[in-house]
């Protein structure tokens, strides 16, 4: 059974699984189509992705321009600070962000609907990150915002090391210049 907790941004949820543990370890259901439908969330996930990163790696803030993706994200090992930025044209929270610590210990997940930029910062020594998408990845359709975009002003955790960004993540236009928006909501 999954528990859906709304965040300050409409349609973004923190999802907490029920964990059954004993001396052998634990068991949990990480996704249930029926639980999602019971919560009024109708998603069809078509692709699963996984990454491994070391401390200080900051991936994002990413989106696809014409093939937006909803994502259900979680951490298998380690801990990350996960962020979603609302880019929905008609949203009252356009340009605002929500962030949550996801870890192998808390087993929380974040549901990010279509129309958001997404990114995460690894705060543990390393992390394995997994996520489901409701649209396939299209490399030619990639877009992004700078992690330190002043108009979004994400409050990233301070670390005892420098952030590590990919080459492409160092060259995104800020929201004030790109003016990216997504029509409609999931």
Protein backbone atom coordinates (compact mmCIF):
# COMPACT_ATOMS: atom_id res chain seq x y z
CA UNK A 1 0.00 0.00 0.00
CA UNK A 2 1.27 3.43 -0.99
CA UNK A 3 0.58 6.70 0.82
CA UNK A 4 0.31 9.84 -1.34
CA UNK A 5 1.24 13.12 0.36
CA UNK A 6 0.62 16.33 -1.62
CA UNK A 7 3.40 18.92 -1.75
CA UNK A 8 3.10 22.70 -1.97
CA UNK A 9 2.85 22.36 -5.77
CA UNK A 10 -0.36 20.88 -7.18
CA UNK A 11 0.00 17.39 -8.70
CA UNK A 12 3.46 16.71 -7.18
CA UNK A 13 3.30 13.98 -4.54
CA UNK A 14 5.65 12.36 -2.07
CA UNK A 15 4.85 8.66 -2.11
CA UNK A 16 5.67 6.48 0.87
CA UNK A 17 5.43 2.69 0.64
CA UNK A 18 4.38 0.42 3.47
CA UNK A 19 7.50 -1.50 4.47
CA UNK A 20 7.28 -4.99 5.94
CA UNK A 21 10.46 -5.85 7.80
CA UNK A 22 11.77 -8.66 9.96
CA UNK A 23 15.10 -10.27 10.81
CA UNK A 24 15.58 -11.30 7.16
CA UNK A 25 15.28 -7.76 5.79
CA UNK A 26 12.28 -6.01 4.26
CA UNK A 27 9.69 -6.12 1.50
CA UNK A 28 7.80 -3.21 -0.05
CA UNK A 29 5.66 -2.55 -3.07
CA UNK A 30 7.22 0.37 -4.97
CA UNK A 31 4.44 0.81 -7.52
CA UNK A 32 0.81 -0.24 -7.75
CA UNK A 33 -1.35 0.86 -10.65
CA UNK A 34 -4.41 0.27 -8.47
CA UNK A 35 -3.09 2.49 -5.63
CA UNK A 36 -2.38 5.24 -8.17
CA UNK A 37 -5.86 4.96 -9.66
CA UNK A 38 -7.42 4.95 -6.17
CA UNK A 39 -5.53 8.22 -5.52
CA UNK A 40 -6.94 9.71 -8.75
CA UNK A 41 -3.64 9.42 -10.62
CA UNK A 42 -3.79 7.77 -14.02
CA UNK A 43 -0.30 7.16 -15.41
CA UNK A 44 1.02 4.63 -17.88
CA UNK A 45 4.75 4.29 -17.39
CA UNK A 46 6.65 3.11 -20.48
CA UNK A 47 10.33 3.32 -19.52
CA UNK A 48 12.47 2.66 -16.42
CA UNK A 49 15.87 4.34 -15.98
CA UNK A 50 18.65 4.01 -13.42
CA UNK A 51 21.82 5.99 -12.73
CA UNK A 52 24.76 5.79 -10.37
CA UNK A 53 26.52 8.94 -9.21
CA UNK A 54 29.09 10.03 -6.66
CA UNK A 55 28.73 12.72 -4.01
CA UNK A 56 28.31 16.21 -5.43
CA UNK A 57 26.91 15.11 -8.80
CA UNK A 58 24.06 17.42 -9.75
CA UNK A 59 21.92 16.18 -12.64
CA UNK A 60 19.45 18.68 -14.00
CA UNK A 61 17.34 20.59 -14.19
CA UNK A 62 16.06 18.60 -17.21
CA UNK A 63 12.92 18.33 -19.31
CA UNK A 64 11.90 17.30 -22.82
CA UNK A 65 10.58 20.20 -24.91
CA UNK A 66 7.90 18.54 -27.06
CA UNK A 67 7.65 15.10 -25.42
CA UNK A 68 7.29 16.00 -21.71
CA UNK A 69 7.63 13.16 -19.23
CA UNK A 70 5.98 12.43 -15.92
CA UNK A 71 8.45 10.72 -13.60
CA UNK A 72 8.22 8.56 -10.51
CA UNK A 73 11.66 8.80 -8.89
CA UNK A 74 13.33 6.98 -6.00
CA UNK A 75 16.73 6.14 -4.51
CA UNK A 76 17.96 2.55 -4.26
CA UNK A 77 21.25 3.31 -2.49
CA UNK A 78 22.44 6.49 -0.79
CA UNK A 79 20.63 9.83 -0.58
CA UNK A 80 19.75 12.64 -2.99
CA UNK A 81 18.02 16.00 -2.80
CA UNK A 82 15.42 15.77 -5.55
CA UNK A 83 13.84 18.86 -7.15
CA UNK A 84 10.86 19.53 -9.43
CA UNK A 85 10.29 22.98 -11.01
CA UNK A 86 6.80 23.85 -12.26
CA UNK A 87 6.86 24.98 -15.92
CA UNK A 88 3.14 24.59 -16.64
CA UNK A 89 1.87 27.69 -18.44
CA UNK A 90 -1.43 27.98 -16.58
CA UNK A 91 -0.11 27.02 -13.15
CA UNK A 92 -0.32 29.38 -10.16
CA UNK A 93 3.07 27.99 -9.10
CA UNK A 94 4.87 28.52 -12.45
CA UNK A 95 8.62 28.85 -11.82
CA UNK A 96 8.37 27.54 -8.25
CA UNK A 97 10.12 24.43 -7.01
CA UNK A 98 9.66 21.66 -4.49
CA UNK A 99 12.51 19.57 -3.09
CA UNK A 100 12.67 16.45 -0.96
CA UNK A 101 15.38 14.18 0.41
CA UNK A 102 15.01 10.70 -1.05
CA UNK A 103 17.08 7.89 0.42
CA UNK A 104 17.42 4.15 0.73
CA UNK A 105 16.46 4.60 4.39
CA UNK A 106 13.25 6.64 4.01
CA UNK A 107 12.23 4.81 0.81
CA UNK A 108 10.17 7.82 -0.29
CA UNK A 109 9.44 8.51 -3.94
CA UNK A 110 8.53 11.73 -5.74
CA UNK A 111 5.86 11.82 -8.44
CA UNK A 112 6.56 14.62 -10.90
CA UNK A 113 3.87 15.21 -13.55
CA UNK A 114 4.45 16.37 -17.11
CA UNK A 115 5.38 20.03 -17.43
CA UNK A 116 8.19 20.12 -14.88
CA UNK A 117 11.97 20.41 -14.95
CA UNK A 118 13.63 17.79 -12.76
CA UNK A 119 17.02 17.42 -11.13
CA UNK A 120 18.82 15.93 -8.17
CA UNK A 121 21.98 16.39 -6.11
CA UNK A 122 23.78 13.41 -4.57
CA UNK A 123 24.38 14.22 -0.88
CA UNK A 124 25.73 10.82 0.24
CA UNK A 125 29.09 9.32 -0.83
CA UNK A 126 27.29 7.76 -3.79
CA UNK A 127 23.74 7.05 -4.90
CA UNK A 128 21.79 4.77 -7.19
CA UNK A 129 18.73 6.53 -8.57
CA UNK A 130 15.82 4.89 -10.42
CA UNK A 131 12.77 6.33 -12.12
CA UNK A 132 9.80 5.48 -14.27
CA UNK A 133 8.72 7.72 -17.18
CA UNK A 134 5.37 7.94 -18.96
CA UNK A 135 7.02 9.02 -22.24
CA UNK A 136 10.07 7.64 -24.01
CA UNK A 137 13.38 9.51 -23.94
CA UNK A 138 14.07 11.59 -27.06
CA UNK A 139 17.71 12.82 -27.01
CA UNK A 140 17.07 15.48 -29.65
CA UNK A 141 14.29 16.94 -27.48
CA UNK A 142 16.33 17.67 -24.34
CA UNK A 143 16.02 20.96 -22.55
CA UNK A 144 17.10 22.32 -19.22
CA UNK A 145 17.48 25.15 -16.76
CA UNK A 146 20.64 26.06 -14.87
CA UNK A 147 20.71 24.47 -11.42
CA UNK A 148 21.42 27.93 -9.99
CA UNK A 149 18.84 29.87 -12.03
CA UNK A 150 18.20 33.00 -9.91
CA UNK A 151 14.55 33.27 -11.00
CA UNK A 152 13.88 29.75 -9.65
CA UNK A 153 16.27 30.00 -6.66
CA UNK A 154 16.45 26.35 -5.63
CA UNK A 155 17.94 26.08 -2.14
CA UNK A 156 20.35 23.21 -2.84
CA UNK A 157 22.06 21.60 0.17
CA UNK A 158 25.58 22.82 0.92
CA UNK A 159 28.18 20.06 0.66
CA UNK A 160 31.81 19.70 1.68
CA UNK A 161 32.73 19.35 -2.02
CA UNK A 162 32.03 21.18 -5.26
CA UNK A 163 28.98 20.31 -7.34
CA UNK A 164 29.80 18.17 -10.38
CA UNK A 165 27.82 19.03 -13.53
CA UNK A 166 27.83 17.59 -17.04
CA UNK A 167 29.06 19.82 -19.85
CA UNK A 168 25.50 20.32 -21.18
CA UNK A 169 24.16 21.25 -17.72
CA UNK A 170 26.62 24.15 -17.60
CA UNK A 171 25.04 25.89 -20.61
CA UNK A 172 21.26 26.05 -20.15
CA UNK A 173 19.45 29.39 -20.48
CA UNK A 174 17.72 30.67 -17.35
CA UNK A 175 13.93 30.57 -17.19
CA UNK A 176 13.73 34.37 -17.62
CA UNK A 177 15.41 34.02 -21.05
CA UNK A 178 14.07 30.67 -22.25
CA UNK A 179 10.51 31.37 -21.07
CA UNK A 180 9.77 27.65 -21.45
CA UNK A 181 6.17 26.64 -20.71
CA UNK A 182 4.11 23.52 -21.10
CA UNK A 183 0.44 23.72 -21.96
CA UNK A 184 -2.11 21.80 -19.93
CA UNK A 185 -1.60 19.41 -17.09
CA UNK A 186 -1.55 15.63 -16.85
